[in-house]
Amino acid sequence: MFIIGELINGMYKDIGEAIKKKDKAPIQKYALEQLKAGADALDVNCGPVSRQPVSDIQWLVQTIQEVTNKPLVLDSSKPEVIESGLKVIKNKAIINSTTADVEKLNILVPLAKQYQAGLIGLTISAKGIPQNKDQRLELAATIVSYCSEQGFSPENLYLDPIVLPVNVAQAQMRDILESIHEFKIISEPSPKTVVGLSNVSQGSCLRSLINRTFLTMAVAFGLDAAIIDPQDKELMDALITSELILNKQIYCDSYLEAYRKK
C-alpha cells in the first residue's frame, strides 16, 4: 500500500498559522512525524487560509524538501498552483487532482507529462458526484481513455472513486468498493486506485473505527494507495494486518514491528 500522509494542509489550524507566518518548524515536524509513522509520500495543500497559494505552495515544497526527499502530492483545485509547485519539486511528484472534465484534463495531463509526475483522477465531473458504480466506471474510462490518447501511461494514473460520508451515503459504500476492483480492468496496463480515506467518516462519531474498517475492506478490493493520517496507530495496524491476511506481507509474530522497520 502506498500511503500518502494527509496532515500538511492549511485547513488544519496549526498548519494554516505556519503558512501565514512562514514558520518552517511545524511543517517539517509534521513531515518527519508522518514519514516515521509509515507514510511513503506527503500530501501538500495550502488550504483556504492562503491568500497567495501560487507562492505559498513553493514555500511549502521547499520547506519539506529541506528535511526529506520523499514524493510530494500537490493538492489544489487550481492548475496554476499545481504548476507552481511542480517547478520547485526535486524528486517524484503526484498531481492531486484532475476530474473527468476535458477542460481539466487538457491542462493537467500535459503538466503531468512535462514534469514526469503521477496524476490522481477523480471520478467526478461538472455534472456532479456519481451516484452509482456505472457512473463511476464511465468517468474512470473517460479519464483513462484521454490519458492513453495523450501518451500518458495508466501506470502513472491513480483513479479515485470518490469516497462519500457513510452517514449520508451509506447505500453507496458497496458501489464505491466494487469500483476500486473494476477500475483495474479498464485498461492494460491497469491504472492504480486511491482514496481520500477521511471522507468516509466525515460528520460521524466513531471516525477512527469507520476509517480503519473501510480501509481494510478497500484493501481486499484491490486498493493501491490511500491519503490517510499515518499517525493513527490503530488505522496503520489494521492496514498492515489486512495486507498480511492477503499474503502481501510475510508473517512473523512481530509483523507489525517488522513492517514499520522496512
Protein backbone atom coordinates (compact mmCIF):
# COMPACT_ATOMS: atom_id res chain seq x y z
CA MET A 1 0.00 0.00 0.00
CA PHE A 2 1.27 3.43 -0.99
CA ILE A 3 0.49 5.67 1.98
CA ILE A 4 0.09 9.43 1.48
CA GLY A 5 0.15 11.47 4.68
CA GLU A 6 -2.71 13.98 4.78
CA LEU A 7 -1.67 16.35 7.57
CA ILE A 8 0.22 19.14 5.77
CA ASN A 9 -2.92 21.01 4.86
CA GLY A 10 -3.75 24.64 5.57
CA MET A 11 -7.23 23.64 6.69
CA TYR A 12 -5.63 22.47 9.96
CA LYS A 13 -5.19 25.43 12.32
CA ASP A 14 -1.51 24.94 13.18
CA ILE A 15 -0.52 24.35 9.56
CA GLY A 16 -2.55 27.36 8.45
CA GLU A 17 -0.82 29.53 11.04
CA ALA A 18 2.59 28.22 9.97
CA ILE A 19 1.86 29.13 6.35
CA LYS A 20 0.77 32.64 7.35
CA LYS A 21 3.87 33.22 9.50
CA LYS A 22 6.25 31.30 7.20
CA ASP A 23 7.23 29.20 10.20
CA LYS A 24 9.07 26.13 8.91
CA ALA A 25 9.18 24.23 12.20
CA PRO A 26 5.58 22.88 12.32
CA ILE A 27 5.68 21.94 8.62
CA GLN A 28 8.91 19.99 8.97
CA LYS A 29 7.73 18.41 12.21
CA TYR A 30 4.55 17.08 10.58
CA ALA A 31 6.52 15.91 7.56
CA LEU A 32 9.00 13.88 9.59
CA GLU A 33 6.41 12.50 12.02
CA GLN A 34 4.20 11.24 9.18
CA LEU A 35 7.14 9.60 7.45
CA LYS A 36 8.25 7.97 10.68
CA ALA A 37 4.70 6.65 11.18
CA GLY A 38 4.75 4.96 7.77
CA ALA A 39 3.89 7.50 5.07
CA ASP A 40 5.51 6.92 1.66
CA ALA A 41 4.57 10.39 0.37
CA LEU A 42 3.16 13.64 1.71
CA ASP A 43 0.09 15.50 0.52
CA VAL A 44 0.77 19.25 0.35
CA ASN A 45 -2.18 21.64 0.38
CA CYS A 46 -2.14 25.38 1.14
CA GLY A 47 -5.75 25.22 2.30
CA PRO A 48 -8.32 28.02 2.44
CA VAL A 49 -6.21 30.35 4.62
CA SER A 50 -3.63 31.00 1.91
CA ARG A 51 -4.03 34.34 0.18
CA GLN A 52 -1.12 33.68 -2.19
CA PRO A 53 -1.27 29.95 -2.94
CA VAL A 54 0.96 30.18 -6.01
CA SER A 55 3.91 31.32 -3.89
CA ASP A 56 2.83 29.51 -0.71
CA ILE A 57 2.92 26.10 -2.40
CA GLN A 58 6.52 26.74 -3.41
CA TRP A 59 7.42 27.70 0.15
CA LEU A 60 5.77 24.55 1.48
CA VAL A 61 7.54 22.30 -1.04
CA GLN A 62 10.93 23.86 -0.39
CA THR A 63 10.41 23.71 3.38
CA ILE A 64 9.57 20.00 3.24
CA GLN A 65 12.43 19.22 0.86
CA GLU A 66 14.88 20.58 3.41
CA VAL A 67 14.17 17.51 5.57
CA THR A 68 13.11 14.75 3.14
CA ASN A 69 13.31 13.66 -0.48
CA LYS A 70 10.13 11.57 -0.34
CA PRO A 71 7.48 12.07 -3.07
CA LEU A 72 5.13 15.02 -2.67
CA VAL A 73 1.49 15.11 -3.73
CA LEU A 74 0.49 18.60 -4.81
CA ASP A 75 -3.10 19.14 -3.77
CA SER A 76 -5.04 22.04 -5.27
CA SER A 77 -8.08 22.68 -7.46
CA LYS A 78 -6.14 25.48 -9.21
CA PRO A 79 -3.82 24.36 -12.05
CA GLU A 80 -1.63 27.43 -11.64
CA VAL A 81 -0.90 26.40 -8.04
CA ILE A 82 -0.05 22.86 -9.15
CA GLU A 83 2.31 24.12 -11.84
CA SER A 84 3.99 26.50 -9.41
CA GLY A 85 4.71 23.64 -7.02
CA LEU A 86 5.97 21.36 -9.80
CA LYS A 87 8.59 23.95 -10.75
CA VAL A 88 10.43 23.51 -7.44
CA ILE A 89 9.95 19.80 -6.72
CA LYS A 90 13.28 17.98 -6.91
CA ASN A 91 12.04 14.40 -6.82
CA LYS A 92 8.85 12.47 -7.58
CA ALA A 93 5.60 14.44 -7.72
CA ILE A 94 1.96 13.45 -7.97
CA ILE A 95 -0.75 15.89 -9.04
CA ASN A 96 -3.89 15.86 -6.88
CA SER A 97 -6.06 16.10 -8.91
CA THR A 98 -7.93 16.21 -12.21
CA THR A 99 -11.60 15.49 -12.80
CA ALA A 100 -13.10 13.78 -15.85
CA ASP A 101 -13.85 17.16 -17.43
CA VAL A 102 -11.96 17.76 -20.66
CA GLU A 103 -11.11 21.32 -19.59
CA LYS A 104 -9.19 19.98 -16.56
CA LEU A 105 -7.64 17.06 -18.44
CA ASN A 106 -6.41 19.42 -21.17
CA ILE A 107 -4.35 21.29 -18.58
CA LEU A 108 -3.24 18.70 -16.05
CA VAL A 109 -2.33 15.71 -18.23
CA PRO A 110 0.24 17.77 -20.22
CA LEU A 111 1.61 19.09 -16.91
CA ALA A 112 1.98 15.56 -15.58
CA LYS A 113 3.81 14.54 -18.76
CA GLN A 114 6.05 17.59 -18.74
CA TYR A 115 7.17 17.06 -15.15
CA GLN A 116 7.04 13.24 -15.26
CA ALA A 117 4.55 13.30 -12.41
CA GLY A 118 1.84 10.90 -11.35
CA LEU A 119 -1.77 12.04 -11.60
CA ILE A 120 -4.82 11.41 -9.43
CA GLY A 121 -8.05 11.32 -11.43
CA LEU A 122 -11.28 11.92 -9.54
CA THR A 123 -14.32 10.13 -10.95
CA ILE A 124 -16.36 13.30 -10.84
CA SER A 125 -17.36 15.86 -13.44
CA ALA A 126 -19.12 19.18 -13.77
CA LYS A 127 -22.37 17.20 -13.66
CA GLY A 128 -21.66 16.32 -10.04
CA ILE A 129 -20.81 13.33 -7.87
CA PRO A 130 -21.56 9.90 -9.37
CA GLN A 131 -24.47 8.11 -7.75
CA ASN A 132 -23.62 4.51 -8.63
CA LYS A 133 -20.89 2.18 -9.83
CA ASP A 134 -21.76 2.50 -13.51
CA GLN A 135 -21.37 6.28 -13.40
CA ARG A 136 -18.02 5.91 -11.64
CA LEU A 137 -16.81 3.43 -14.26
CA GLU A 138 -17.92 5.70 -17.10
CA LEU A 139 -15.99 8.65 -15.67
CA ALA A 140 -12.95 6.47 -14.94
CA ALA A 141 -12.97 5.19 -18.53
CA THR A 142 -13.12 8.78 -19.79
CA ILE A 143 -10.02 9.69 -17.78
CA VAL A 144 -8.08 6.56 -18.80
CA SER A 145 -9.01 6.97 -22.47
CA TYR A 146 -7.92 10.61 -22.51
CA CYS A 147 -4.61 9.80 -20.82
CA SER A 148 -3.91 6.94 -23.23
CA GLU A 149 -4.64 9.15 -26.25
CA GLN A 150 -2.18 11.73 -24.92
CA GLY A 151 0.56 9.16 -24.29
CA PHE A 152 0.25 9.27 -20.51
CA SER A 153 0.53 5.73 -19.20
CA PRO A 154 -2.24 4.39 -16.94
CA GLU A 155 0.56 3.03 -14.75
CA ASN A 156 1.13 6.63 -13.58
CA LEU A 157 -2.57 7.29 -13.04
CA TYR A 158 -4.41 6.89 -9.73
CA LEU A 159 -8.20 6.68 -10.02
CA ASP A 160 -10.27 7.88 -7.07
CA PRO A 161 -13.84 6.51 -6.83
CA ILE A 162 -14.86 9.46 -4.59
CA VAL A 163 -15.48 8.20 -1.08
CA LEU A 164 -18.57 9.76 0.47
CA PRO A 165 -19.51 10.07 4.15
CA VAL A 166 -21.17 6.88 5.34
CA ASN A 167 -23.64 8.85 7.46
CA VAL A 168 -25.23 10.39 4.35
CA ALA A 169 -24.38 7.92 1.57
CA GLN A 170 -24.50 4.52 3.23
CA ALA A 171 -26.21 2.96 0.20
CA GLN A 172 -23.24 3.87 -2.00
CA MET A 173 -20.50 2.22 0.07
CA ARG A 174 -20.58 -1.14 -1.69
CA ASP A 175 -20.58 0.51 -5.12
CA ILE A 176 -17.53 2.54 -4.13
CA LEU A 177 -15.67 -0.58 -3.01
CA GLU A 178 -16.63 -2.54 -6.11
CA SER A 179 -15.49 0.37 -8.30
CA ILE A 180 -11.99 0.02 -6.88
CA HIS A 181 -11.88 -3.56 -8.18
CA GLU A 182 -13.46 -2.80 -11.55
CA PHE A 183 -11.22 0.18 -12.33
CA LYS A 184 -8.44 -2.41 -12.70
CA ILE A 185 -9.98 -3.93 -15.82
CA ILE A 186 -10.48 -0.69 -17.74
CA SER A 187 -7.11 -0.91 -19.45
CA GLU A 188 -3.89 -2.85 -19.77
CA PRO A 189 -1.68 -1.85 -18.05
CA SER A 190 -4.13 -1.11 -15.26
CA PRO A 191 -4.46 2.26 -13.56
CA LYS A 192 -3.81 2.39 -9.82
CA THR A 193 -6.50 3.26 -7.29
CA VAL A 194 -6.53 5.74 -4.41
CA VAL A 195 -9.00 7.06 -1.85
CA GLY A 196 -9.13 10.07 0.43
CA LEU A 197 -9.99 7.98 3.46
CA SER A 198 -11.13 10.60 5.97
CA ASN A 199 -14.14 11.47 3.80
CA VAL A 200 -15.85 8.20 4.73
CA SER A 201 -16.18 9.18 8.40
CA GLN A 202 -16.82 12.91 7.98
CA GLY A 203 -19.54 14.01 10.41
CA SER A 204 -19.58 10.67 12.23
CA CYS A 205 -18.76 10.00 15.87
CA LEU A 206 -16.60 6.86 15.62
CA ARG A 207 -14.29 8.25 12.96
CA SER A 208 -11.21 6.11 13.56
CA LEU A 209 -13.23 2.88 13.64
CA ILE A 210 -15.10 3.74 10.44
CA ASN A 211 -11.87 4.75 8.71
CA ARG A 212 -9.98 1.58 9.53
CA THR A 213 -12.91 -0.71 8.73
CA PHE A 214 -13.42 0.89 5.32
CA LEU A 215 -9.69 0.84 4.60
CA THR A 216 -9.31 -2.88 5.34
CA MET A 217 -12.29 -3.62 3.10
CA ALA A 218 -10.87 -1.41 0.33
CA VAL A 219 -7.54 -3.25 0.53
CA ALA A 220 -9.42 -6.50 -0.06
CA PHE A 221 -10.99 -4.93 -3.17
CA GLY A 222 -7.53 -4.10 -4.52
CA LEU A 223 -6.82 -0.56 -3.32
CA ASP A 224 -3.28 0.60 -4.16
CA ALA A 225 -2.96 3.89 -2.29
CA ALA A 226 -4.70 5.98 0.34
CA ILE A 227 -4.48 9.52 1.65
CA ILE A 228 -4.66 8.99 5.40
CA ASP A 229 -3.40 10.06 8.81
CA PRO A 230 -0.45 7.67 9.30
CA GLN A 231 -0.18 8.73 12.94
CA ASP A 232 -3.44 6.91 13.70
CA LYS A 233 -1.72 3.79 15.03
CA GLU A 234 -4.85 1.61 15.10
CA LEU A 235 -5.52 2.54 11.48
CA MET A 236 -1.99 1.62 10.45
CA ASP A 237 -2.12 -1.64 12.43
CA ALA A 238 -5.34 -2.59 10.64
CA LEU A 239 -3.82 -1.75 7.26
CA ILE A 240 -0.68 -3.80 7.92
CA THR A 241 -2.74 -6.74 9.17
CA SER A 242 -5.08 -6.64 6.18
CA GLU A 243 -2.12 -6.87 3.83
CA LEU A 244 -0.73 -9.74 5.89
CA ILE A 245 -4.01 -11.66 5.58
CA LEU A 246 -3.98 -11.07 1.81
CA ASN A 247 -0.46 -12.57 1.68
CA LYS A 248 1.17 -9.27 0.73
CA GLN A 249 3.46 -9.44 3.77
CA ILE A 250 5.39 -12.34 5.28
CA TYR A 251 4.07 -13.48 8.65
CA CYS A 252 6.12 -13.39 11.82
CA ASP A 253 4.93 -12.87 15.39
CA SER A 254 6.34 -9.35 15.36
CA TYR A 255 4.98 -8.50 11.89
CA LEU A 256 3.79 -5.01 12.93
CA GLU A 257 7.24 -4.06 14.13
CA ALA A 258 8.88 -5.69 11.11
CA TYR A 259 6.65 -3.76 8.71
CA ARG A 260 7.45 -0.46 10.37
CA LYS A 261 11.20 -1.13 10.14
CA LYS A 262 11.05 -1.65 6.38
